[in-house]
């Protein structure tokens, strides 16, 4: 009987841990990719295309097509990574990336 109770508590705690990890993963994806990556990429794309690309507005990430959102997010993340890398170089610190 005690084994069943112990196993039930373990399974419950495992489910709580898994759901917590899923929620944190979702929030990290939402914040990093969809908000920061899109915002930086959107500004860079608008500057480079003289305001023509992407056709959707800054806050309209959900209305962008699949290839558009991937490209803009990728550009935003690459620019952010480049800025961070340049900051490490200017400060004379070793880069955290190998």
C-alpha atoms as a PDB file:
ATOM      1  CA  UNK A   1       0.000   0.000   0.000  1.00  0.00           C
ATOM      2  CA  UNK A   2       2.792   2.427   0.880  1.00  0.00           C
ATOM      3  CA  UNK A   3       4.447   1.645  -2.448  1.00  0.00           C
ATOM      4  CA  UNK A   4       1.323   2.733  -4.315  1.00  0.00           C
ATOM      5  CA  UNK A   5       1.113   5.982  -2.362  1.00  0.00           C
ATOM      6  CA  UNK A   6       4.816   6.674  -2.850  1.00  0.00           C
ATOM      7  CA  UNK A   7       4.585   5.916  -6.549  1.00  0.00           C
ATOM      8  CA  UNK A   8       1.517   8.152  -6.906  1.00  0.00           C
ATOM      9  CA  UNK A   9       3.272  11.061  -5.229  1.00  0.00           C
ATOM     10  CA  UNK A  10       6.354  10.525  -7.416  1.00  0.00           C
ATOM     11  CA  UNK A  11       4.255  10.490 -10.589  1.00  0.00           C
ATOM     12  CA  UNK A  12       2.393  13.612  -9.509  1.00  0.00           C
ATOM     13  CA  UNK A  13       5.662  15.459  -8.816  1.00  0.00           C
ATOM     14  CA  UNK A  14       7.065  14.272 -12.121  1.00  0.00           C
ATOM     15  CA  UNK A  15       3.986  15.599 -13.964  1.00  0.00           C
ATOM     16  CA  UNK A  16       4.310  18.950 -12.177  1.00  0.00           C
ATOM     17  CA  UNK A  17       7.988  19.139 -13.112  1.00  0.00           C
ATOM     18  CA  UNK A  18       7.307  18.279 -16.760  1.00  0.00           C
ATOM     19  CA  UNK A  19       4.509  20.849 -17.053  1.00  0.00           C
ATOM     20  CA  UNK A  20       6.667  23.501 -15.383  1.00  0.00           C
ATOM     21  CA  UNK A  21       9.449  22.795 -17.881  1.00  0.00           C
ATOM     22  CA  UNK A  22       6.995  23.016 -20.785  1.00  0.00           C
ATOM     23  CA  UNK A  23       5.638  26.346 -19.580  1.00  0.00           C
ATOM     24  CA  UNK A  24       9.137  27.784 -19.091  1.00  0.00           C
ATOM     25  CA  UNK A  25      10.167  26.545 -22.544  1.00  0.00           C
ATOM     26  CA  UNK A  26       7.099  28.139 -24.111  1.00  0.00           C
ATOM     27  CA  UNK A  27       7.711  31.441 -22.342  1.00  0.00           C
ATOM     28  CA  UNK A  28      11.361  31.466 -23.359  1.00  0.00           C
ATOM     29  CA  UNK A  29      10.430  30.739 -26.980  1.00  0.00           C
ATOM     30  CA  UNK A  30       7.705  33.369 -26.950  1.00  0.00           C
ATOM     31  CA  UNK A  31       9.949  36.042 -25.466  1.00  0.00           C
ATOM     32  CA  UNK A  32      13.194  35.320 -27.261  1.00  0.00           C
ATOM     33  CA  UNK A  33      12.052  34.339 -30.723  1.00  0.00           C
ATOM     34  CA  UNK A  34       8.689  35.919 -31.264  1.00  0.00           C
ATOM     35  CA  UNK A  35       9.244  39.196 -29.480  1.00  0.00           C
ATOM     36  CA  UNK A  36      12.932  40.090 -29.383  1.00  0.00           C
ATOM     37  CA  UNK A  37      13.943  38.343 -32.630  1.00  0.00           C
ATOM     38  CA  UNK A  38      10.949  39.709 -34.522  1.00  0.00           C
ATOM     39  CA  UNK A  39      11.395  43.263 -33.225  1.00  0.00           C
ATOM     40  CA  UNK A  40      15.096  43.497 -34.062  1.00  0.00           C
ATOM     41  CA  UNK A  41      14.687  41.690 -37.389  1.00  0.00           C
ATOM     42  CA  UNK A  42      11.692  43.803 -38.353  1.00  0.00           C
ATOM     43  CA  UNK A  43      13.617  47.048 -37.828  1.00  0.00           C
ATOM     44  CA  UNK A  44      16.665  45.771 -39.730  1.00  0.00           C
ATOM     45  CA  UNK A  45      14.557  44.480 -42.642  1.00  0.00           C
ATOM     46  CA  UNK A  46      12.593  47.721 -42.825  1.00  0.00           C
ATOM     47  CA  UNK A  47      15.817  49.752 -42.880  1.00  0.00           C
ATOM     48  CA  UNK A  48      17.431  47.594 -45.557  1.00  0.00           C
ATOM     49  CA  UNK A  49      14.317  47.437 -47.769  1.00  0.00           C
ATOM     50  CA  UNK A  50      13.410  51.114 -47.387  1.00  0.00           C
ATOM     51  CA  UNK A  51      10.202  50.289 -45.545  1.00  0.00           C
ATOM     52  CA  UNK A  52       8.821  47.661 -47.944  1.00  0.00           C
ATOM     53  CA  UNK A  53       9.610  44.389 -46.168  1.00  0.00           C
ATOM     54  CA  UNK A  54       8.033  42.849 -44.136  1.00  0.00           C
ATOM     55  CA  UNK A  55       4.636  44.040 -45.204  1.00  0.00           C
ATOM     56  CA  UNK A  56       3.073  43.454 -41.768  1.00  0.00           C
ATOM     57  CA  UNK A  57       3.552  45.897 -38.927  1.00  0.00           C
ATOM     58  CA  UNK A  58       5.882  45.590 -35.974  1.00  0.00           C
ATOM     59  CA  UNK A  59       3.224  44.229 -33.633  1.00  0.00           C
ATOM     60  CA  UNK A  60       1.606  41.972 -36.235  1.00  0.00           C
ATOM     61  CA  UNK A  61       3.859  38.924 -35.921  1.00  0.00           C
ATOM     62  CA  UNK A  62       0.879  36.571 -35.956  1.00  0.00           C
ATOM     63  CA  UNK A  63      -0.251  37.863 -39.353  1.00  0.00           C
ATOM     64  CA  UNK A  64       3.076  37.251 -41.123  1.00  0.00           C
ATOM     65  CA  UNK A  65       3.485  34.302 -43.456  1.00  0.00           C
ATOM     66  CA  UNK A  66       5.659  31.386 -42.383  1.00  0.00           C
ATOM     67  CA  UNK A  67       8.730  32.192 -44.514  1.00  0.00           C
ATOM     68  CA  UNK A  68       8.509  35.863 -43.610  1.00  0.00           C
ATOM     69  CA  UNK A  69       8.408  35.199 -39.880  1.00  0.00           C
ATOM     70  CA  UNK A  70      11.294  32.717 -40.072  1.00  0.00           C
ATOM     71  CA  UNK A  71      13.469  35.082 -42.100  1.00  0.00           C
ATOM     72  CA  UNK A  72      12.767  38.141 -39.962  1.00  0.00           C
ATOM     73  CA  UNK A  73      13.298  36.201 -36.715  1.00  0.00           C
ATOM     74  CA  UNK A  74      16.525  34.675 -38.024  1.00  0.00           C
ATOM     75  CA  UNK A  75      17.871  38.078 -39.019  1.00  0.00           C
ATOM     76  CA  UNK A  76      16.921  39.491 -35.632  1.00  0.00           C
ATOM     77  CA  UNK A  77      18.611  36.710 -33.696  1.00  0.00           C
ATOM     78  CA  UNK A  78      21.760  36.867 -35.848  1.00  0.00           C
ATOM     79  CA  UNK A  79      21.995  40.626 -35.366  1.00  0.00           C
ATOM     80  CA  UNK A  80      21.506  40.243 -31.609  1.00  0.00           C
ATOM     81  CA  UNK A  81      24.189  37.528 -31.448  1.00  0.00           C
ATOM     82  CA  UNK A  82      26.550  39.747 -33.476  1.00  0.00           C
ATOM     83  CA  UNK A  83      25.987  42.687 -31.148  1.00  0.00           C
ATOM     84  CA  UNK A  84      26.679  40.518 -28.110  1.00  0.00           C
ATOM     85  CA  UNK A  85      29.821  39.105 -29.751  1.00  0.00           C
ATOM     86  CA  UNK A  86      31.028  42.588 -30.678  1.00  0.00           C
ATOM     87  CA  UNK A  87      30.449  43.726 -27.109  1.00  0.00           C
ATOM     88  CA  UNK A  88      32.652  40.945 -25.802  1.00  0.00           C
ATOM     89  CA  UNK A  89      35.336  41.877 -28.333  1.00  0.00           C
ATOM     90  CA  UNK A  90      35.262  45.544 -27.369  1.00  0.00           C
ATOM     91  CA  UNK A  91      35.529  44.719 -23.692  1.00  0.00           C
ATOM     92  CA  UNK A  92      38.420  42.344 -24.290  1.00  0.00           C
ATOM     93  CA  UNK A  93      36.520  39.520 -22.640  1.00  0.00           C
ATOM     94  CA  UNK A  94      36.725  35.991 -24.008  1.00  0.00           C
ATOM     95  CA  UNK A  95      33.596  35.015 -25.879  1.00  0.00           C
ATOM     96  CA  UNK A  96      31.304  32.585 -24.059  1.00  0.00           C
ATOM     97  CA  UNK A  97      30.894  30.690 -27.325  1.00  0.00           C
ATOM     98  CA  UNK A  98      33.627  28.228 -28.344  1.00  0.00           C
END
